[in-house]
Each structure stands twice: as structure tokens, then as C-alpha cells.
Amino acid sequence: MKAFGLLLSGGFALLFAALAALQLLHKGPPLNNSYLFAGPRQRREMDLRPLYRQSAAVFSLLALLFLCLLLWVTTGRPALIAAVWLLAGAAAVFAVWSSVREVLK
């Protein structure tokens, strides 16, 4: 069971780190609600830099979260599970805050 937890958390950490890197390099579409729900005409007129930046930040936080989870499964240290919760809260707050800020522009 521990091996499954290691594989799952490590896989998600790598996935989110790769997505963060792609978003930082502006490769592919921005994986962002503002972009995904916009129509084709709106997408052509959008400034994509803030959307890439927002997506990269959230994916980076999620990569750190799963890295801490991987370390917690490996070591069992309680401080790491606290870091997981802190990073989950930070990712949620940042995603909501930056989305609201984009809408109010």
C-alpha cells in the first residue's frame, strides 16, 4: 500500500511540475478557466501572459503539495502533512483570488 502512495504522489508531483514548466514557457493553451470557457473570438483578443502565469503558479503549488505528500508517505513526519494542508489552502486561495482579480479588470 505504501508503494502505491509513493507512486501516486510522485506521479502527480511530476505531472504538475511538467504542466507548470509548460505554462511558464507558454507552450500549449493556457490551462485556465478564463481561456477554456472563452469563445474563439474572445480567445484571439485575450492577453495570455497573465493566464499562463496564473496557471504556472497554481501548478507549481500543486507540484510542491504532492512532493510534500510523497515525503510524508516516505518519512511519516507530521510536519509534512501540515505543509500539504498549507499548500492546498494557498493554491485554493491564490486560484480564487487571481480569477476574481482577472474578472474585475
Protein backbone atom coordinates (compact mmCIF):
# COMPACT_ATOMS: atom_id res chain seq x y z
CA MET A 1 0.00 0.00 0.00
CA LYS A 2 2.89 2.35 0.77
CA ALA A 3 4.32 1.72 -2.71
CA PHE A 4 1.00 2.76 -4.27
CA GLY A 5 1.04 6.00 -2.26
CA LEU A 6 4.61 6.68 -3.33
CA LEU A 7 3.83 6.01 -6.97
CA LEU A 8 0.64 8.07 -6.96
CA SER A 9 2.01 11.12 -5.14
CA GLY A 10 5.28 11.01 -7.10
CA GLY A 11 3.40 10.72 -10.38
CA PHE A 12 1.18 13.68 -9.58
CA ALA A 13 4.18 15.74 -8.43
CA LEU A 14 5.92 15.08 -11.76
CA LEU A 15 2.74 15.75 -13.75
CA PHE A 16 2.08 19.10 -12.08
CA ALA A 17 5.75 20.12 -12.32
CA ALA A 18 5.69 19.37 -16.06
CA LEU A 19 2.46 21.34 -16.51
CA ALA A 20 3.93 24.27 -14.56
CA ALA A 21 7.03 24.24 -16.76
CA LEU A 22 4.94 24.17 -19.93
CA GLN A 23 2.84 27.06 -18.70
CA LEU A 24 5.95 29.07 -17.77
CA LEU A 25 7.32 28.50 -21.28
CA HIS A 26 3.93 29.47 -22.82
CA LYS A 27 3.68 26.10 -24.59
CA GLY A 28 0.22 24.87 -25.46
CA PRO A 29 -3.02 26.57 -24.47
CA PRO A 30 -3.24 28.19 -21.04
CA LEU A 31 -4.91 25.66 -18.77
CA ASN A 32 -7.13 28.27 -17.20
CA ASN A 33 -10.90 28.62 -16.83
CA SER A 34 -10.91 32.10 -18.34
CA TYR A 35 -9.34 30.75 -21.52
CA LEU A 36 -11.13 27.40 -21.66
CA PHE A 37 -14.61 28.92 -21.29
CA ALA A 38 -13.99 31.82 -23.71
CA GLY A 39 -15.26 31.65 -27.25
CA PRO A 40 -12.91 31.53 -30.24
CA ARG A 41 -13.23 35.28 -30.86
CA GLN A 42 -12.52 36.15 -27.23
CA ARG A 43 -9.50 33.82 -27.18
CA ARG A 44 -7.92 35.67 -30.10
CA GLU A 45 -8.30 39.00 -28.29
CA MET A 46 -7.08 37.82 -24.86
CA ASP A 47 -3.74 38.72 -23.34
CA LEU A 48 -2.49 35.24 -22.47
CA ARG A 49 0.51 36.20 -20.31
CA PRO A 50 -1.44 36.61 -17.04
CA LEU A 51 -3.31 33.36 -17.70
CA TYR A 52 -0.08 31.44 -18.26
CA ARG A 53 1.40 33.00 -15.11
CA GLN A 54 -1.64 32.12 -13.01
CA SER A 55 -1.71 28.54 -14.28
CA ALA A 56 2.03 28.11 -13.73
CA ALA A 57 1.73 29.36 -10.14
CA VAL A 58 -1.15 27.03 -9.29
CA PHE A 59 0.51 24.01 -10.92
CA SER A 60 3.75 24.80 -9.07
CA LEU A 61 1.91 24.89 -5.75
CA LEU A 62 0.25 21.58 -6.58
CA ALA A 63 3.62 20.04 -7.52
CA LEU A 64 5.03 21.14 -4.15
CA LEU A 65 1.95 19.79 -2.41
CA PHE A 66 2.39 16.34 -3.93
CA LEU A 67 6.13 16.42 -3.28
CA CYS A 68 5.42 17.07 0.40
CA LEU A 69 2.87 14.26 0.32
CA LEU A 70 5.49 11.96 -1.21
CA LEU A 71 7.95 12.89 1.53
CA TRP A 72 5.26 12.36 4.19
CA VAL A 73 4.46 8.88 2.86
CA THR A 74 8.19 8.12 2.87
CA THR A 75 9.12 9.52 6.28
CA GLY A 76 5.85 9.76 8.22
CA ARG A 77 6.75 13.17 9.69
CA PRO A 78 3.60 15.03 10.83
CA ALA A 79 5.02 18.42 9.84
CA LEU A 80 4.86 17.39 6.20
CA ILE A 81 1.13 16.70 6.31
CA ALA A 82 0.70 20.18 7.78
CA ALA A 83 2.67 21.54 4.83
CA VAL A 84 0.35 19.64 2.48
CA TRP A 85 -2.69 21.32 4.02
CA LEU A 86 -1.00 24.72 3.96
CA LEU A 87 -0.10 24.34 0.28
CA ALA A 88 -3.61 23.14 -0.57
CA GLY A 89 -5.07 26.21 1.10
CA ALA A 90 -2.56 28.51 -0.60
CA ALA A 91 -3.33 27.02 -4.02
CA ALA A 92 -7.09 27.39 -3.50
CA VAL A 93 -6.85 30.95 -2.19
CA PHE A 94 -4.48 32.00 -4.97
CA ALA A 95 -6.64 30.44 -7.70
CA VAL A 96 -9.79 32.16 -6.47
CA TRP A 97 -8.08 35.48 -5.76
CA SER A 98 -6.34 35.69 -9.14
CA SER A 99 -9.50 34.64 -11.01
CA VAL A 100 -11.55 37.30 -9.28
CA ARG A 101 -8.83 39.86 -9.99
CA GLU A 102 -8.89 38.92 -13.71
CA VAL A 103 -12.67 39.24 -13.90
CA LEU A 104 -12.67 42.65 -12.20
CA LYS A 105 -10.13 44.12 -14.63
